[in-house]
Amino acid sequence: MTVPLCKVGDLWFPDGNLLIRVGDRVCRVYQGFLASQSPVMGDMFSFPQPSEGADMVEGVPAVRLPDPPEEVTHWLRAMLLPWTFPGYPNYTEIDQLLAVLRLSHKYDVQYLRRRALEHFAALLPVDVDNVKANAHHFKSRNISHECPLSVYLRINSIAHEVGALWLIPCIIYELHQFMYDDPCALDNISTESPPLTTQLLIRLYKISHLITQQFCLAHLVRHVADCGQRQPCGAERRVTRSDWDEELHKDPVCFYSGLDEIAEDGKSVACLGRGFEDTQNLCYSCRLDMRARHLHACKIFWNALPKSLGLPMWKDLLATKASDLGDDMKT
């Protein structure tokens, strides 16, 4: 080889019998170990190698991989230095997770594929209760976050690539919040990687339409028979509801997130739903009725979401998740 190569220090084992070359980087590893971890690699190594012009470095055969160098080094570390890629709930970098998931799927390293998906399963729930819990306990998440838009666009792309479609509903829900919060996001989307696809744009429109259908304060607030007030609750304040509708439509599932929680200082945790009830001066009975209606709307919305997005039904998505993660991983 005439091109100068950069040895990757922690992936250079002096007694290794195989070189993995990616770009200008080279790792010295163990062929037998890689073959035992990856059936695809094992098949690659079993093919007869050409004797003339063979790719060699310091007398050791080299294999060129077409994948991005950063991804390959993340993936090799996960296999050869397993403490660098701990399982959930340990802290893990998003770049590392995406790299390990993609290449473990490509090269059929099932235990690493599963480990990566367990991290994403915690970040992107498949049920309403855990969506609420994740929203309220954002800081406890094990995955480091950069700009939400770029993170979710990348996860969306990888989820399709590896067939983990059960992640998509929550990804679209998270992206909906981001777009709703920043109307200019679509104008700058061409600067993101990967870019917003037509399919994703259509799904964002569909989830917005579904949310508008299922969540409307005018339908959630009812004057119940045992209302404790002479005048129907909130009757004088209907004009202010348009602002609250905006808040509801941005993140409808989590409108009541944190309702029954108490902060460390003993005070109630901030809750949009409770704030709305207070501004509308709802009585206790009407509050309970609104909360029940909201919970019902959440269930209808979440159950309808996959079909609205053109995905398989939840039954099929959950079956795929169980296959991806194993029966011991809760949905």
Protein backbone atom coordinates (compact mmCIF):
# COMPACT_ATOMS: atom_id res chain seq x y z
CA MET A 1 0.00 0.00 0.00
CA THR A 2 1.28 3.42 -0.87
CA VAL A 3 -1.37 5.46 0.95
CA PRO A 4 -0.27 6.32 4.52
CA LEU A 5 -2.50 4.59 7.03
CA CYS A 6 -3.44 5.65 10.53
CA LYS A 7 -3.38 2.88 13.10
CA VAL A 8 -6.32 2.96 15.51
CA GLY A 9 -4.51 2.59 18.83
CA ASP A 10 -7.08 0.77 20.94
CA LEU A 11 -8.01 -1.49 18.02
CA TRP A 12 -4.43 -2.48 17.18
CA PHE A 13 -3.58 -5.85 18.72
CA PRO A 14 0.07 -6.79 18.00
CA ASP A 15 -0.77 -10.49 17.72
CA GLY A 16 -3.82 -9.90 15.53
CA ASN A 17 -3.94 -11.82 12.25
CA LEU A 18 -6.27 -9.59 10.24
CA LEU A 19 -6.29 -5.93 9.29
CA ILE A 20 -9.56 -4.06 8.84
CA ARG A 21 -9.05 -1.07 6.59
CA VAL A 22 -11.59 1.76 6.39
CA GLY A 23 -10.55 4.91 4.61
CA ASP A 24 -7.11 5.86 5.88
CA ARG A 25 -7.54 3.96 9.14
CA VAL A 26 -6.45 0.44 9.89
CA CYS A 27 -7.24 -1.87 12.81
CA ARG A 28 -5.36 -5.08 13.65
CA VAL A 29 -7.80 -7.63 15.01
CA TYR A 30 -8.50 -11.36 15.21
CA GLN A 31 -10.06 -13.04 12.21
CA GLY A 32 -11.34 -16.04 14.16
CA PHE A 33 -13.04 -13.86 16.75
CA LEU A 34 -14.79 -11.71 14.16
CA ALA A 35 -15.93 -14.83 12.31
CA SER A 36 -17.37 -16.24 15.54
CA GLN A 37 -19.34 -13.03 16.18
CA SER A 38 -20.51 -12.29 12.64
CA PRO A 39 -21.74 -15.01 10.25
CA VAL A 40 -21.40 -12.52 7.41
CA MET A 41 -17.76 -11.91 8.28
CA GLY A 42 -17.23 -15.65 8.57
CA ASP A 43 -18.56 -16.14 5.05
CA MET A 44 -16.34 -13.33 3.76
CA PHE A 45 -13.24 -14.92 5.28
CA SER A 46 -14.12 -18.33 3.84
CA PHE A 47 -13.91 -17.09 0.26
CA PRO A 48 -10.59 -17.90 -1.46
CA GLN A 49 -8.36 -14.84 -1.47
CA PRO A 50 -6.33 -13.90 -4.59
CA SER A 51 -2.66 -14.68 -4.20
CA GLU A 52 -1.46 -11.95 -6.52
CA GLY A 53 -1.88 -8.32 -5.57
CA ALA A 54 -3.37 -9.28 -2.23
CA ASP A 55 -3.98 -6.37 0.13
CA MET A 56 -1.27 -6.70 2.78
CA VAL A 57 0.14 -4.49 5.53
CA GLU A 58 3.31 -5.61 7.31
CA GLY A 59 2.70 -9.09 5.97
CA VAL A 60 -0.81 -9.31 7.45
CA PRO A 61 -3.82 -9.69 5.14
CA ALA A 62 -6.14 -6.69 5.06
CA VAL A 63 -9.87 -6.49 4.43
CA ARG A 64 -11.41 -3.27 3.13
CA LEU A 65 -14.85 -2.36 4.42
CA PRO A 66 -16.98 0.15 2.50
CA ASP A 67 -18.60 1.59 5.61
CA PRO A 68 -17.78 4.99 7.19
CA PRO A 69 -14.60 4.76 9.30
CA GLU A 70 -16.23 6.18 12.44
CA GLU A 71 -19.01 3.60 12.25
CA VAL A 72 -16.60 0.70 11.80
CA THR A 73 -14.42 1.71 14.74
CA HIS A 74 -17.49 2.10 16.98
CA TRP A 75 -18.66 -1.34 15.90
CA LEU A 76 -15.30 -3.06 16.36
CA ARG A 77 -14.93 -1.54 19.83
CA ALA A 78 -18.36 -2.87 20.79
CA MET A 79 -17.15 -6.39 19.97
CA LEU A 80 -13.50 -6.28 21.01
CA LEU A 81 -13.78 -3.80 23.90
CA PRO A 82 -17.30 -4.60 25.17
CA TRP A 83 -17.13 -2.26 28.17
CA THR A 84 -17.18 0.65 25.72
CA PHE A 85 -20.71 -0.30 24.65
CA PRO A 86 -22.70 -1.10 27.80
CA GLY A 87 -26.29 -2.21 27.74
CA TYR A 88 -29.30 -0.19 28.84
CA PRO A 89 -29.67 1.75 31.15
CA ASN A 90 -26.02 2.83 30.96
CA TYR A 91 -25.10 6.10 29.25
CA THR A 92 -24.34 5.72 25.56
CA GLU A 93 -23.46 8.17 22.79
CA ILE A 94 -25.97 8.47 19.96
CA ASP A 95 -23.28 8.17 17.24
CA GLN A 96 -22.07 4.93 18.78
CA LEU A 97 -25.60 3.53 19.08
CA LEU A 98 -26.49 4.27 15.48
CA ALA A 99 -23.21 2.85 14.18
CA VAL A 100 -23.43 -0.35 16.19
CA LEU A 101 -27.07 -0.89 15.25
CA ARG A 102 -26.52 -0.38 11.54
CA LEU A 103 -23.40 -2.51 11.20
CA SER A 104 -24.60 -5.23 13.56
CA HIS A 105 -27.69 -5.54 11.39
CA LYS A 106 -25.62 -5.51 8.19
CA TYR A 107 -23.07 -8.06 9.42
CA ASP A 108 -25.54 -10.09 11.51
CA VAL A 109 -24.14 -9.59 15.01
CA GLN A 110 -27.43 -10.24 16.76
CA TYR A 111 -26.46 -9.60 20.39
CA LEU A 112 -25.13 -6.12 19.56
CA ARG A 113 -28.12 -5.35 17.37
CA ARG A 114 -30.38 -6.24 20.28
CA ARG A 115 -28.34 -4.25 22.78
CA ALA A 116 -28.55 -1.13 20.61
CA LEU A 117 -32.29 -1.57 20.08
CA GLU A 118 -32.83 -1.88 23.84
CA HIS A 119 -31.43 1.63 24.22
CA PHE A 120 -33.73 2.96 21.50
CA ALA A 121 -36.71 1.10 22.98
CA ALA A 122 -36.24 3.08 26.20
CA LEU A 123 -35.99 6.36 24.30
CA LEU A 124 -38.93 5.68 21.97
CA PRO A 125 -41.75 3.85 23.79
CA VAL A 126 -44.59 1.97 22.14
CA ASP A 127 -47.22 2.78 24.78
CA VAL A 128 -48.85 5.97 26.05
CA ASP A 129 -47.81 5.61 29.70
CA ASN A 130 -44.11 5.42 28.87
CA VAL A 131 -44.35 8.30 26.39
CA LYS A 132 -45.65 10.40 29.29
CA ALA A 133 -42.95 9.14 31.64
CA ASN A 134 -40.17 9.87 29.14
CA ALA A 135 -41.42 13.40 28.57
CA HIS A 136 -41.44 14.18 32.27
CA HIS A 137 -38.13 12.51 33.09
CA PHE A 138 -36.14 13.72 30.07
CA LYS A 139 -32.93 14.23 32.05
CA SER A 140 -32.88 10.61 33.16
CA ARG A 141 -32.59 9.29 29.63
CA ASN A 142 -29.48 7.27 29.00
CA ILE A 143 -28.78 8.60 25.50
CA SER A 144 -26.93 11.86 24.99
CA HIS A 145 -28.84 14.36 22.86
CA GLU A 146 -27.78 16.82 20.24
CA CYS A 147 -30.27 18.83 18.16
CA PRO A 148 -33.51 16.81 18.39
CA LEU A 149 -34.20 17.26 14.68
CA SER A 150 -30.93 15.70 13.54
CA VAL A 151 -31.16 12.93 16.14
CA TYR A 152 -34.65 11.82 15.19
CA LEU A 153 -34.02 12.10 11.47
CA ARG A 154 -31.04 9.78 11.84
CA ILE A 155 -32.89 7.31 14.04
CA ASN A 156 -35.80 7.31 11.59
CA SER A 157 -33.47 6.44 8.72
CA ILE A 158 -31.72 3.64 10.64
CA ALA A 159 -35.00 2.22 11.97
CA HIS A 160 -36.22 1.73 8.41
CA GLU A 161 -32.87 0.27 7.34
CA VAL A 162 -32.85 -2.38 10.08
CA GLY A 163 -36.60 -3.07 9.96
CA ALA A 164 -37.37 -1.75 13.46
CA LEU A 165 -40.61 -0.12 12.36
CA TRP A 166 -41.98 -0.26 15.91
CA LEU A 167 -39.78 2.77 16.65
CA ILE A 168 -41.40 4.90 13.93
CA PRO A 169 -44.65 6.03 15.65
CA CYS A 170 -42.78 7.62 18.56
CA ILE A 171 -40.14 9.08 16.22
CA ILE A 172 -42.87 10.81 14.21
CA TYR A 173 -44.52 12.00 17.41
CA GLU A 174 -41.24 13.50 18.64
CA LEU A 175 -40.59 15.14 15.26
CA HIS A 176 -44.12 16.57 15.28
CA GLN A 177 -43.32 18.36 18.53
CA PHE A 178 -40.10 19.75 17.11
CA MET A 179 -41.78 21.02 13.94
CA TYR A 180 -44.71 22.44 15.88
CA ASP A 181 -42.34 24.31 18.16
CA ASP A 182 -40.24 25.72 15.30
CA PRO A 183 -42.24 26.65 12.17
CA CYS A 184 -38.99 27.57 10.39
CA ALA A 185 -37.58 24.05 10.75
CA LEU A 186 -38.86 22.95 7.36
CA ASP A 187 -37.14 25.91 5.70
CA ASN A 188 -33.77 24.77 7.03
CA ILE A 189 -34.31 21.04 6.62
CA SER A 190 -31.96 20.79 3.62
CA THR A 191 -29.03 21.43 5.97
CA GLU A 192 -29.83 18.34 8.04
CA SER A 193 -28.46 14.87 7.46
CA PRO A 194 -30.25 12.75 6.49
CA PRO A 195 -32.67 15.19 4.82
CA LEU A 196 -36.41 15.14 5.35
CA THR A 197 -37.89 12.65 2.89
CA THR A 198 -41.25 12.94 1.13
CA GLN A 199 -42.48 9.94 3.13
CA LEU A 200 -41.51 11.60 6.40
CA LEU A 201 -43.10 14.89 5.39
CA ILE A 202 -46.37 13.10 4.58
CA ARG A 203 -46.26 11.32 7.92
CA LEU A 204 -45.77 14.61 9.75
CA TYR A 205 -48.84 15.98 7.99
CA LYS A 206 -50.85 12.86 8.87
CA ILE A 207 -49.96 12.90 12.55
CA SER A 208 -50.84 16.60 12.76
CA HIS A 209 -54.20 15.87 11.15
CA LEU A 210 -54.86 12.96 13.51
CA ILE A 211 -54.00 15.08 16.55
CA THR A 212 -56.37 17.82 15.42
CA GLN A 213 -59.12 15.23 15.01
CA GLN A 214 -58.67 13.59 18.40
CA PHE A 215 -57.72 16.48 20.67
CA CYS A 216 -59.90 19.55 21.03
CA LEU A 217 -60.53 21.33 24.31
CA ALA A 218 -64.10 22.05 23.27
CA HIS A 219 -64.65 18.27 23.26
CA LEU A 220 -62.63 17.54 26.38
CA VAL A 221 -64.37 20.07 28.66
CA ARG A 222 -67.91 19.11 29.60
CA HIS A 223 -70.27 20.50 32.22
CA VAL A 224 -70.99 17.32 34.17
CA ALA A 225 -74.26 16.70 36.01
CA ASP A 226 -72.69 17.03 39.47
CA CYS A 227 -70.70 20.18 38.61
CA GLY A 228 -70.03 22.13 41.78
CA GLN A 229 -70.60 25.54 40.22
CA ARG A 230 -73.79 27.38 39.39
CA GLN A 231 -72.50 28.52 36.01
CA PRO A 232 -70.95 25.87 33.72
CA CYS A 233 -67.23 25.54 34.44
CA GLY A 234 -65.08 27.73 32.21
CA ALA A 235 -68.02 29.33 30.43
CA GLU A 236 -66.57 32.82 30.85
CA ARG A 237 -63.10 31.86 29.64
CA ARG A 238 -63.67 30.05 26.38
CA VAL A 239 -61.99 32.87 24.48
CA THR A 240 -58.63 31.92 26.05
CA ARG A 241 -58.78 28.32 24.91
CA SER A 242 -57.19 28.88 21.52
CA ASP A 243 -53.79 29.37 23.19
CA TRP A 244 -54.31 26.23 25.24
CA ASP A 245 -55.34 24.31 22.12
CA GLU A 246 -51.92 25.19 20.68
CA GLU A 247 -50.23 23.70 23.74
CA LEU A 248 -52.45 20.64 23.59
CA HIS A 249 -51.77 20.02 19.89
CA LYS A 250 -48.02 20.33 20.29
CA ASP A 251 -47.74 17.44 22.76
CA PRO A 252 -51.23 16.05 23.41
CA VAL A 253 -50.22 12.78 25.06
CA CYS A 254 -48.20 14.61 27.71
CA PHE A 255 -50.74 17.36 28.45
CA TYR A 256 -51.25 15.82 31.89
CA SER A 257 -47.71 14.52 32.35
CA GLY A 258 -46.52 14.93 35.94
CA LEU A 259 -50.05 15.54 37.23
CA ASP A 260 -49.69 13.46 40.39
CA GLU A 261 -45.96 13.91 40.98
CA ILE A 262 -44.29 15.90 43.72
CA ALA A 263 -40.92 17.62 43.26
CA GLU A 264 -38.04 17.30 45.74
CA ASP A 265 -39.04 20.58 47.37
CA GLY A 266 -42.46 19.15 48.19
CA LYS A 267 -44.30 21.22 45.61
CA SER A 268 -46.46 19.90 42.81
CA VAL A 269 -44.74 19.35 39.47
CA ALA A 270 -45.77 21.76 36.70
CA CYS A 271 -48.51 20.26 34.56
CA LEU A 272 -50.12 21.92 31.54
CA GLY A 273 -53.43 20.17 32.11
CA ARG A 274 -53.65 21.37 35.69
CA GLY A 275 -52.72 24.86 34.54
CA PHE A 276 -55.59 24.84 32.06
CA GLU A 277 -58.03 23.61 34.70
CA ASP A 278 -56.98 26.42 37.01
CA THR A 279 -57.33 29.17 34.41
CA GLN A 280 -60.77 27.82 33.46
CA ASN A 281 -61.79 27.57 37.13
CA LEU A 282 -63.03 24.02 36.66
CA CYS A 283 -64.64 22.33 39.63
CA TYR A 284 -63.33 19.02 40.95
CA SER A 285 -65.95 16.92 39.14
CA CYS A 286 -65.37 18.64 35.81
CA ARG A 287 -61.60 18.22 36.22
CA LEU A 288 -61.94 14.49 36.74
CA ASP A 289 -64.23 14.25 33.73
CA MET A 290 -61.79 16.17 31.54
CA ARG A 291 -58.89 13.97 32.61
CA ALA A 292 -60.86 10.84 31.80
CA ARG A 293 -61.81 12.22 28.39
CA HIS A 294 -58.19 13.15 27.70
CA LEU A 295 -56.97 9.68 28.65
CA HIS A 296 -59.57 8.13 26.35
CA ALA A 297 -58.51 10.44 23.50
CA CYS A 298 -54.85 9.46 24.07
CA LYS A 299 -55.67 5.77 23.74
CA ILE A 300 -57.71 6.28 20.57
CA PHE A 301 -54.97 8.46 19.07
CA TRP A 302 -52.13 6.07 19.90
CA ASN A 303 -54.02 3.02 18.66
CA ALA A 304 -54.82 4.78 15.38
CA LEU A 305 -51.33 6.21 14.86
CA PRO A 306 -49.61 3.32 12.99
CA LYS A 307 -52.39 2.96 10.44
CA SER A 308 -52.47 6.72 9.93
CA LEU A 309 -48.73 6.65 9.18
CA GLY A 310 -49.02 3.76 6.72
CA LEU A 311 -47.38 1.29 9.12
CA PRO A 312 -48.47 -2.19 10.22
CA MET A 313 -50.94 -2.36 13.10
CA TRP A 314 -49.64 -2.24 16.68
CA LYS A 315 -50.14 -6.00 17.02
CA ASP A 316 -47.64 -6.62 14.24
CA LEU A 317 -45.26 -3.88 15.37
CA LEU A 318 -45.19 -5.29 18.90
CA ALA A 319 -44.55 -8.78 17.55
CA THR A 320 -41.55 -7.44 15.63
CA LYS A 321 -40.32 -5.66 18.74
CA ALA A 322 -40.60 -8.86 20.77
CA SER A 323 -38.58 -10.67 18.11
CA ASP A 324 -35.98 -7.91 18.02
CA LEU A 325 -35.54 -7.64 21.79
CA GLY A 326 -36.56 -11.01 23.16
CA ASP A 327 -39.50 -11.97 25.33
CA ASP A 328 -37.86 -10.60 28.48
CA MET A 329 -38.07 -7.00 27.21
CA LYS A 330 -41.33 -5.32 28.21
CA THR A 331 -43.34 -3.48 25.57
